[in-house]
Amino acid sequence: MRTLGLTALLFITLINFNLFAVSPVELPIMNGSGGNYKMTDHPEGIFVVEAYFLTCPYCNQNAPRVNALASMFANDSRVQVLDVGVDRDDASYATWIKKHNPNHAVLKDSSRKLIKQLGTSGYPSTYVINCQGKVVESTEGAWGYEEEEAIIAAVEKLQKEGCHLEE
């Protein structure tokens, strides 16, 4: 009986995770022209969020793969690949950006507005979020082939489905 209860709890937890909705945020852009990135500027957005901190070795290991992912979907303005860092020091972001030369937005979330909503507990963590703010795929740690393929498949599925905002 106890096993059944734990299984039910795990199932409910997994269902709730997949239905987890993220409220749109506005975060400072650390590369490019600066300013703030507003998720609300992309109402049909498919967001790939890479949560990281600048000195994390696994996060830095993912950087070229995140760039490759951004390149793969560069022709679809709905796909928004975002590096979301939790560090506070602007100079450290400048050094990181110079080293990795990201081809997508690098955002600063030092107050962890978005990171808290996502429930991030390990770094790097990657989330695919649909236009309704629902997390449809997530990974934790450096990407291997399976993680990368799962992220790509989730984005491609959302591209095919399109955005159906609930009214």
N, C-alpha and C. Protein backbone atom coordinates (compact mmCIF):
# COMPACT_ATOMS: atom_id res chain seq x y z
N MET A 1 0.82 -1.19 0.00
CA MET A 1 0.00 0.00 0.00
C MET A 1 0.87 1.26 0.00
N ARG A 2 1.94 1.23 0.79
CA ARG A 2 2.83 2.38 0.86
C ARG A 2 3.49 2.66 -0.50
N THR A 3 3.86 1.62 -1.21
CA THR A 3 4.46 1.75 -2.53
C THR A 3 3.48 2.43 -3.49
N LEU A 4 2.22 2.05 -3.42
CA LEU A 4 1.20 2.65 -4.26
C LEU A 4 1.09 4.14 -3.98
N GLY A 5 1.11 4.51 -2.71
CA GLY A 5 1.04 5.92 -2.32
C GLY A 5 2.22 6.72 -2.84
N LEU A 6 3.43 6.15 -2.74
CA LEU A 6 4.62 6.83 -3.24
C LEU A 6 4.59 6.95 -4.76
N THR A 7 4.10 5.92 -5.43
CA THR A 7 3.98 5.96 -6.88
C THR A 7 3.00 7.04 -7.30
N ALA A 8 1.88 7.14 -6.62
CA ALA A 8 0.88 8.17 -6.92
C ALA A 8 1.46 9.55 -6.68
N LEU A 9 2.21 9.73 -5.60
CA LEU A 9 2.83 11.02 -5.31
C LEU A 9 3.83 11.40 -6.39
N LEU A 10 4.65 10.45 -6.83
CA LEU A 10 5.61 10.70 -7.89
C LEU A 10 4.89 11.07 -9.18
N PHE A 11 3.83 10.36 -9.52
CA PHE A 11 3.06 10.63 -10.73
C PHE A 11 2.46 12.03 -10.68
N ILE A 12 1.87 12.40 -9.57
CA ILE A 12 1.29 13.74 -9.41
C ILE A 12 2.38 14.80 -9.54
N THR A 13 3.55 14.56 -8.94
CA THR A 13 4.67 15.50 -9.04
C THR A 13 5.09 15.68 -10.49
N LEU A 14 5.20 14.58 -11.24
CA LEU A 14 5.60 14.67 -12.64
C LEU A 14 4.56 15.40 -13.47
N ILE A 15 3.28 15.16 -13.21
CA ILE A 15 2.22 15.87 -13.93
C ILE A 15 2.32 17.35 -13.63
N ASN A 16 2.45 17.70 -12.37
CA ASN A 16 2.54 19.12 -12.01
C ASN A 16 3.76 19.77 -12.64
N PHE A 17 4.88 19.06 -12.72
CA PHE A 17 6.07 19.62 -13.34
C PHE A 17 5.80 19.96 -14.80
N ASN A 18 5.16 19.06 -15.51
CA ASN A 18 4.89 19.29 -16.92
C ASN A 18 3.87 20.39 -17.15
N LEU A 19 3.05 20.67 -16.18
CA LEU A 19 2.06 21.74 -16.31
C LEU A 19 2.56 23.05 -15.72
N PHE A 20 3.76 23.04 -15.22
CA PHE A 20 4.35 24.20 -14.56
C PHE A 20 4.37 25.40 -15.49
N ALA A 21 3.77 26.49 -15.09
CA ALA A 21 3.71 27.68 -15.93
C ALA A 21 4.65 28.76 -15.40
N VAL A 22 5.31 29.42 -16.32
CA VAL A 22 6.26 30.48 -16.01
C VAL A 22 5.64 31.81 -16.37
N SER A 23 5.66 32.75 -15.45
CA SER A 23 5.20 34.10 -15.75
C SER A 23 6.28 34.83 -16.53
N PRO A 24 5.88 35.62 -17.52
CA PRO A 24 6.88 36.35 -18.31
C PRO A 24 7.71 37.28 -17.43
N VAL A 25 8.98 37.39 -17.75
CA VAL A 25 9.88 38.26 -16.99
C VAL A 25 10.56 39.24 -17.94
N GLU A 26 11.15 40.25 -17.35
CA GLU A 26 11.98 41.23 -18.06
C GLU A 26 13.33 41.23 -17.36
N LEU A 27 14.40 40.94 -18.14
CA LEU A 27 15.73 40.82 -17.56
C LEU A 27 16.73 41.64 -18.37
N PRO A 28 17.79 42.15 -17.72
CA PRO A 28 18.82 42.90 -18.45
C PRO A 28 19.57 42.02 -19.45
N ILE A 29 19.79 42.57 -20.65
CA ILE A 29 20.57 41.89 -21.68
C ILE A 29 22.02 42.29 -21.48
N MET A 30 22.90 41.31 -21.38
CA MET A 30 24.30 41.57 -21.08
C MET A 30 25.17 41.63 -22.34
N ASN A 31 24.64 41.23 -23.48
CA ASN A 31 25.40 41.31 -24.73
C ASN A 31 24.57 42.08 -25.76
N GLY A 32 25.15 42.34 -26.90
CA GLY A 32 24.43 43.09 -27.93
C GLY A 32 24.26 44.54 -27.54
N SER A 33 23.07 45.05 -27.78
CA SER A 33 22.81 46.47 -27.55
C SER A 33 22.40 46.79 -26.12
N GLY A 34 22.34 45.78 -25.27
CA GLY A 34 21.95 46.02 -23.89
C GLY A 34 20.44 46.18 -23.78
N GLY A 35 19.99 46.95 -22.81
CA GLY A 35 18.56 47.11 -22.57
C GLY A 35 18.01 45.92 -21.81
N ASN A 36 16.71 45.73 -21.92
CA ASN A 36 16.05 44.63 -21.24
C ASN A 36 15.38 43.69 -22.24
N TYR A 37 15.43 42.42 -21.93
CA TYR A 37 14.74 41.42 -22.73
C TYR A 37 13.39 41.19 -22.06
N LYS A 38 12.32 41.30 -22.85
CA LYS A 38 10.97 41.11 -22.34
C LYS A 38 10.35 39.89 -23.02
N MET A 39 10.03 38.90 -22.22
CA MET A 39 9.38 37.71 -22.79
C MET A 39 8.06 38.07 -23.45
N THR A 40 7.39 39.10 -22.95
CA THR A 40 6.10 39.50 -23.51
C THR A 40 6.24 40.06 -24.93
N ASP A 41 7.45 40.43 -25.35
CA ASP A 41 7.66 40.88 -26.72
C ASP A 41 7.59 39.72 -27.71
N HIS A 42 7.48 38.51 -27.21
CA HIS A 42 7.46 37.30 -28.04
C HIS A 42 6.23 36.45 -27.67
N PRO A 43 5.01 36.93 -28.00
CA PRO A 43 3.80 36.23 -27.56
C PRO A 43 3.67 34.82 -28.12
N GLU A 44 4.31 34.51 -29.23
CA GLU A 44 4.28 33.16 -29.78
C GLU A 44 5.62 32.46 -29.58
N GLY A 45 6.37 32.94 -28.59
CA GLY A 45 7.72 32.44 -28.36
C GLY A 45 7.80 30.99 -27.91
N ILE A 46 8.85 30.37 -28.36
CA ILE A 46 9.29 29.06 -27.89
C ILE A 46 10.63 29.37 -27.23
N PHE A 47 10.69 29.28 -25.92
CA PHE A 47 11.87 29.72 -25.19
C PHE A 47 12.72 28.52 -24.77
N VAL A 48 14.00 28.59 -25.11
CA VAL A 48 14.97 27.62 -24.62
C VAL A 48 15.84 28.39 -23.63
N VAL A 49 15.69 28.09 -22.36
CA VAL A 49 16.39 28.81 -21.30
C VAL A 49 17.48 27.92 -20.73
N GLU A 50 18.70 28.40 -20.80
CA GLU A 50 19.85 27.72 -20.21
C GLU A 50 20.20 28.49 -18.93
N ALA A 51 19.87 27.93 -17.78
CA ALA A 51 20.16 28.56 -16.49
C ALA A 51 21.57 28.16 -16.07
N TYR A 52 22.39 29.14 -15.74
CA TYR A 52 23.80 28.84 -15.45
C TYR A 52 24.40 29.89 -14.53
N PHE A 53 25.61 29.62 -14.07
CA PHE A 53 26.43 30.66 -13.44
C PHE A 53 27.78 30.65 -14.14
N LEU A 54 28.42 31.79 -14.15
CA LEU A 54 29.56 32.03 -15.02
C LEU A 54 30.76 31.13 -14.79
N THR A 55 31.00 30.70 -13.57
CA THR A 55 32.19 29.89 -13.29
C THR A 55 31.89 28.39 -13.24
N CYS A 56 30.70 27.99 -13.59
CA CYS A 56 30.30 26.59 -13.59
C CYS A 56 30.96 25.86 -14.76
N PRO A 57 31.79 24.85 -14.50
CA PRO A 57 32.47 24.15 -15.59
C PRO A 57 31.51 23.45 -16.55
N TYR A 58 30.44 22.86 -16.03
CA TYR A 58 29.48 22.17 -16.90
C TYR A 58 28.69 23.17 -17.73
N CYS A 59 28.42 24.34 -17.15
CA CYS A 59 27.72 25.40 -17.89
C CYS A 59 28.59 25.86 -19.06
N ASN A 60 29.86 26.05 -18.79
CA ASN A 60 30.78 26.48 -19.84
C ASN A 60 30.95 25.40 -20.90
N GLN A 61 30.88 24.15 -20.50
CA GLN A 61 30.94 23.03 -21.44
C GLN A 61 29.74 23.06 -22.39
N ASN A 62 28.58 23.49 -21.90
CA ASN A 62 27.37 23.57 -22.72
C ASN A 62 27.38 24.75 -23.69
N ALA A 63 28.16 25.77 -23.42
CA ALA A 63 28.09 27.01 -24.21
C ALA A 63 28.16 26.80 -25.72
N PRO A 64 29.10 26.01 -26.25
CA PRO A 64 29.12 25.81 -27.71
C PRO A 64 27.87 25.10 -28.24
N ARG A 65 27.32 24.21 -27.45
CA ARG A 65 26.11 23.49 -27.87
C ARG A 65 24.89 24.42 -27.87
N VAL A 66 24.85 25.34 -26.92
CA VAL A 66 23.74 26.30 -26.89
C VAL A 66 23.86 27.22 -28.11
N ASN A 67 25.08 27.63 -28.45
CA ASN A 67 25.30 28.42 -29.67
C ASN A 67 24.84 27.65 -30.90
N ALA A 68 25.19 26.38 -30.98
CA ALA A 68 24.79 25.55 -32.12
C ALA A 68 23.26 25.43 -32.20
N LEU A 69 22.62 25.29 -31.06
CA LEU A 69 21.16 25.22 -31.03
C LEU A 69 20.55 26.53 -31.53
N ALA A 70 21.10 27.66 -31.08
CA ALA A 70 20.61 28.96 -31.55
C ALA A 70 20.78 29.09 -33.06
N SER A 71 21.90 28.63 -33.59
CA SER A 71 22.13 28.66 -35.04
C SER A 71 21.13 27.78 -35.78
N MET A 72 20.85 26.61 -35.21
CA MET A 72 19.93 25.67 -35.84
C MET A 72 18.54 26.28 -36.05
N PHE A 73 18.11 27.10 -35.10
CA PHE A 73 16.77 27.66 -35.15
C PHE A 73 16.76 29.16 -35.48
N ALA A 74 17.86 29.67 -36.00
CA ALA A 74 18.00 31.11 -36.26
C ALA A 74 16.97 31.64 -37.26
N ASN A 75 16.46 30.80 -38.14
CA ASN A 75 15.50 31.26 -39.15
C ASN A 75 14.06 31.31 -38.65
N ASP A 76 13.83 30.96 -37.40
CA ASP A 76 12.49 31.00 -36.81
C ASP A 76 12.50 31.96 -35.63
N SER A 77 11.95 33.15 -35.84
CA SER A 77 11.98 34.18 -34.79
C SER A 77 11.18 33.79 -33.55
N ARG A 78 10.34 32.77 -33.66
CA ARG A 78 9.61 32.31 -32.47
C ARG A 78 10.54 31.65 -31.47
N VAL A 79 11.60 31.01 -31.95
CA VAL A 79 12.52 30.28 -31.08
C VAL A 79 13.51 31.28 -30.46
N GLN A 80 13.42 31.41 -29.16
CA GLN A 80 14.25 32.34 -28.40
C GLN A 80 15.19 31.54 -27.51
N VAL A 81 16.46 31.48 -27.89
CA VAL A 81 17.46 30.78 -27.09
C VAL A 81 18.07 31.82 -26.15
N LEU A 82 18.03 31.53 -24.86
CA LEU A 82 18.44 32.50 -23.84
C LEU A 82 19.38 31.85 -22.83
N ASP A 83 20.55 32.46 -22.65
CA ASP A 83 21.42 32.10 -21.54
C ASP A 83 21.01 32.99 -20.39
N VAL A 84 20.61 32.41 -19.28
CA VAL A 84 20.15 33.19 -18.13
C VAL A 84 21.09 32.91 -16.96
N GLY A 85 21.94 33.90 -16.67
CA GLY A 85 22.92 33.77 -15.60
C GLY A 85 22.41 34.33 -14.29
N VAL A 86 22.91 33.79 -13.20
CA VAL A 86 22.49 34.24 -11.86
C VAL A 86 23.55 35.10 -11.18
N ASP A 87 24.65 35.37 -11.87
CA ASP A 87 25.74 36.16 -11.28
C ASP A 87 25.35 37.65 -11.21
N ARG A 88 26.04 38.39 -10.34
CA ARG A 88 25.74 39.80 -10.14
C ARG A 88 26.71 40.74 -10.86
N ASP A 89 27.95 40.35 -11.00
CA ASP A 89 29.02 41.22 -11.48
C ASP A 89 29.01 41.38 -13.01
N ASP A 90 28.70 42.60 -13.48
CA ASP A 90 28.63 42.86 -14.92
C ASP A 90 29.95 42.59 -15.63
N ALA A 91 31.07 42.90 -15.00
CA ALA A 91 32.38 42.69 -15.62
C ALA A 91 32.62 41.20 -15.90
N SER A 92 32.14 40.34 -15.02
CA SER A 92 32.30 38.90 -15.23
C SER A 92 31.50 38.43 -16.44
N TYR A 93 30.33 39.02 -16.66
CA TYR A 93 29.54 38.68 -17.85
C TYR A 93 30.31 39.08 -19.11
N ALA A 94 30.92 40.27 -19.08
CA ALA A 94 31.68 40.75 -20.24
C ALA A 94 32.81 39.78 -20.58
N THR A 95 33.49 39.27 -19.57
CA THR A 95 34.58 38.30 -19.78
C THR A 95 34.02 37.00 -20.35
N TRP A 96 32.91 36.52 -19.80
CA TRP A 96 32.29 35.29 -20.25
C TRP A 96 31.83 35.43 -21.71
N ILE A 97 31.22 36.55 -22.02
CA ILE A 97 30.73 36.81 -23.39
C ILE A 97 31.89 36.86 -24.37
N LYS A 98 32.97 37.50 -23.97
CA LYS A 98 34.15 37.57 -24.85
C LYS A 98 34.71 36.17 -25.11
N LYS A 99 34.72 35.33 -24.09
CA LYS A 99 35.26 33.98 -24.22
C LYS A 99 34.37 33.07 -25.09
N HIS A 100 33.06 33.14 -24.91
CA HIS A 100 32.14 32.20 -25.57
C HIS A 100 31.46 32.76 -26.81
N ASN A 101 31.49 34.08 -27.00
CA ASN A 101 30.91 34.72 -28.18
C ASN A 101 29.52 34.18 -28.52
N PRO A 102 28.57 34.30 -27.60
CA PRO A 102 27.23 33.75 -27.84
C PRO A 102 26.52 34.46 -28.99
N ASN A 103 25.76 33.69 -29.77
CA ASN A 103 25.00 34.22 -30.89
C ASN A 103 23.52 34.39 -30.53
N HIS A 104 23.24 34.52 -29.26
CA HIS A 104 21.89 34.65 -28.73
C HIS A 104 21.97 35.52 -27.47
N ALA A 105 20.82 35.87 -26.93
CA ALA A 105 20.78 36.77 -25.78
C ALA A 105 21.34 36.12 -24.51
N VAL A 106 22.17 36.90 -23.81
CA VAL A 106 22.68 36.53 -22.50
C VAL A 106 22.00 37.46 -21.51
N LEU A 107 21.25 36.89 -20.60
CA LEU A 107 20.46 37.69 -19.66
C LEU A 107 20.98 37.52 -18.24
N LYS A 108 20.80 38.56 -17.46
CA LYS A 108 21.24 38.58 -16.06
C LYS A 108 20.02 38.46 -15.16
N ASP A 109 19.99 37.41 -14.36
CA ASP A 109 18.88 37.17 -13.44
C ASP A 109 19.43 37.04 -12.01
N SER A 110 20.17 38.06 -11.58
CA SER A 110 20.81 38.00 -10.27
C SER A 110 19.79 37.94 -9.13
N SER A 111 18.58 38.44 -9.34
CA SER A 111 17.54 38.34 -8.31
C SER A 111 16.76 37.02 -8.44
N ARG A 112 17.08 36.26 -9.47
CA ARG A 112 16.53 34.92 -9.72
C ARG A 112 15.01 34.91 -9.93
N LYS A 113 14.50 35.93 -10.60
CA LYS A 113 13.06 36.00 -10.91
C LYS A 113 12.61 34.78 -11.71
N LEU A 114 13.32 34.51 -12.79
CA LEU A 114 12.96 33.40 -13.66
C LEU A 114 13.43 32.07 -13.08
N ILE A 115 14.65 32.06 -12.56
CA ILE A 115 15.25 30.83 -12.04
C ILE A 115 14.38 30.23 -10.91
N LYS A 116 13.84 31.08 -10.04
CA LYS A 116 12.98 30.60 -8.95
C LYS A 116 11.70 29.99 -9.50
N GLN A 117 11.12 30.63 -10.51
CA GLN A 117 9.89 30.10 -11.10
C GLN A 117 10.12 28.71 -11.69
N LEU A 118 11.28 28.54 -12.26
CA LEU A 118 11.60 27.25 -12.89
C LEU A 118 11.95 26.18 -11.87
N GLY A 119 12.23 26.59 -10.64
CA GLY A 119 12.58 25.63 -9.60
C GLY A 119 13.97 25.03 -9.80
N THR A 120 14.86 25.81 -10.40
CA THR A 120 16.20 25.33 -10.70
C THR A 120 16.93 24.95 -9.43
N SER A 121 17.48 23.73 -9.42
CA SER A 121 18.24 23.28 -8.25
C SER A 121 19.67 22.91 -8.61
N GLY A 122 19.97 22.75 -9.88
CA GLY A 122 21.31 22.40 -10.31
C GLY A 122 21.67 23.17 -11.58
N TYR A 123 22.94 23.33 -11.81
CA TYR A 123 23.41 24.10 -12.97
C TYR A 123 24.38 23.28 -13.78
N PRO A 124 24.30 23.41 -15.09
CA PRO A 124 23.28 24.13 -15.83
C PRO A 124 21.98 23.34 -15.85
N SER A 125 20.88 24.05 -16.02
CA SER A 125 19.58 23.44 -16.26
C SER A 125 19.02 24.10 -17.51
N THR A 126 18.43 23.30 -18.35
CA THR A 126 17.88 23.80 -19.60
C THR A 126 16.40 23.49 -19.65
N TYR A 127 15.62 24.48 -20.07
CA TYR A 127 14.17 24.35 -20.11
C TYR A 127 13.67 24.76 -21.49
N VAL A 128 12.72 24.02 -22.02
CA VAL A 128 11.99 24.43 -23.21
C VAL A 128 10.60 24.82 -22.71
N ILE A 129 10.23 26.07 -23.00
CA ILE A 129 8.99 26.65 -22.48
C ILE A 129 8.14 27.08 -23.67
N ASN A 130 6.88 26.67 -23.68
CA ASN A 130 6.01 27.05 -24.79
C ASN A 130 5.46 28.47 -24.61
N CYS A 131 4.67 28.91 -25.58
CA CYS A 131 4.16 30.29 -25.56
C CYS A 131 3.20 30.55 -24.41
N GLN A 132 2.69 29.51 -23.80
CA GLN A 132 1.80 29.66 -22.65
C GLN A 132 2.57 29.65 -21.33
N GLY A 133 3.89 29.54 -21.41
CA GLY A 133 4.71 29.53 -20.21
C GLY A 133 4.84 28.17 -19.56
N LYS A 134 4.47 27.12 -20.26
CA LYS A 134 4.56 25.77 -19.71
C LYS A 134 5.89 25.13 -20.09
N VAL A 135 6.55 24.56 -19.09
CA VAL A 135 7.79 23.83 -19.34
C VAL A 135 7.41 22.49 -19.97
N VAL A 136 7.92 22.25 -21.19
CA VAL A 136 7.58 21.02 -21.89
C VAL A 136 8.76 20.04 -21.94
N GLU A 137 9.95 20.51 -21.61
CA GLU A 137 11.14 19.65 -21.57
C GLU A 137 12.15 20.32 -20.65
N SER A 138 12.92 19.51 -19.95
CA SER A 138 13.99 20.08 -19.12
C SER A 138 15.12 19.07 -18.97
N THR A 139 16.32 19.57 -18.78
CA THR A 139 17.49 18.75 -18.50
C THR A 139 18.30 19.43 -17.42
N GLU A 140 19.10 18.65 -16.74
CA GLU A 140 20.01 19.22 -15.75
C GLU A 140 21.39 18.63 -16.00
N GLY A 141 22.39 19.50 -15.97
CA GLY A 141 23.77 19.06 -16.19
C GLY A 141 24.22 19.33 -17.61
N ALA A 142 25.46 18.95 -17.88
CA ALA A 142 26.02 19.11 -19.22
C ALA A 142 25.24 18.23 -20.19
N TRP A 143 25.02 18.73 -21.39
CA TRP A 143 24.27 17.98 -22.38
C TRP A 143 25.09 16.84 -22.95
N GLY A 144 24.47 15.71 -23.01
CA GLY A 144 24.98 14.61 -23.82
C GLY A 144 24.10 14.55 -25.06
N TYR A 145 24.31 13.54 -25.86
CA TYR A 145 23.54 13.39 -27.09
C TYR A 145 22.04 13.31 -26.79
N GLU A 146 21.64 12.52 -25.79
CA GLU A 146 20.22 12.33 -25.47
C GLU A 146 19.55 13.62 -25.02
N GLU A 147 20.24 14.40 -24.19
CA GLU A 147 19.66 15.65 -23.71
C GLU A 147 19.48 16.63 -24.86
N GLU A 148 20.51 16.73 -25.69
CA GLU A 148 20.44 17.65 -26.83
C GLU A 148 19.32 17.25 -27.78
N GLU A 149 19.19 15.97 -28.06
CA GLU A 149 18.13 15.49 -28.95
C GLU A 149 16.74 15.74 -28.36
N ALA A 150 16.59 15.59 -27.04
CA ALA A 150 15.30 15.84 -26.39
C ALA A 150 14.92 17.32 -26.50
N ILE A 151 15.90 18.20 -26.33
CA ILE A 151 15.64 19.64 -26.44
C ILE A 151 15.23 19.98 -27.87
N ILE A 152 15.97 19.49 -28.84
CA ILE A 152 15.67 19.75 -30.25
C ILE A 152 14.29 19.22 -30.61
N ALA A 153 13.97 18.00 -30.18
CA ALA A 153 12.67 17.41 -30.48
C ALA A 153 11.53 18.23 -29.88
N ALA A 154 11.72 18.72 -28.66
CA ALA A 154 10.69 19.53 -28.01
C ALA A 154 10.46 20.83 -28.78
N VAL A 155 11.54 21.48 -29.21
CA VAL A 155 11.41 22.72 -29.97
C VAL A 155 10.72 22.45 -31.31
N GLU A 156 11.15 21.41 -32.00
CA GLU A 156 10.54 21.08 -33.30
C GLU A 156 9.05 20.75 -33.16
N LYS A 157 8.70 20.06 -32.10
CA LYS A 157 7.28 19.75 -31.87
C LYS A 157 6.48 21.04 -31.67
N LEU A 158 7.02 21.97 -30.88
CA LEU A 158 6.33 23.24 -30.66
C LEU A 158 6.23 24.05 -31.94
N GLN A 159 7.26 23.99 -32.77
CA GLN A 159 7.21 24.69 -34.05
C GLN A 159 6.05 24.17 -34.90
N LYS A 160 5.87 22.87 -34.93
CA LYS A 160 4.80 22.26 -35.73
C LYS A 160 3.42 22.57 -35.16
N GLU A 161 3.31 22.53 -33.83
CA GLU A 161 2.02 22.76 -33.17
C GLU A 161 1.57 24.21 -33.27
N GLY A 162 2.52 25.13 -33.28
CA GLY A 162 2.17 26.55 -33.24
C GLY A 162 1.70 26.93 -31.84
N CYS A 163 1.34 28.16 -31.69
CA CYS A 163 0.93 28.67 -30.38
C CYS A 163 -0.58 28.85 -30.35
N HIS A 164 -1.17 28.26 -29.36
CA HIS A 164 -2.62 28.39 -29.18
C HIS A 164 -2.83 29.00 -27.80
N LEU A 165 -2.83 30.32 -27.72
CA LEU A 165 -2.98 30.99 -26.44
C LEU A 165 -4.40 30.78 -25.91
N GLU A 166 -4.46 30.46 -24.64
CA GLU A 166 -5.77 30.29 -24.00
C GLU A 166 -6.35 31.66 -23.73
N GLU A 167 -7.62 31.80 -24.01
CA GLU A 167 -8.25 33.12 -23.80
C GLU A 167 -9.21 33.06 -22.65
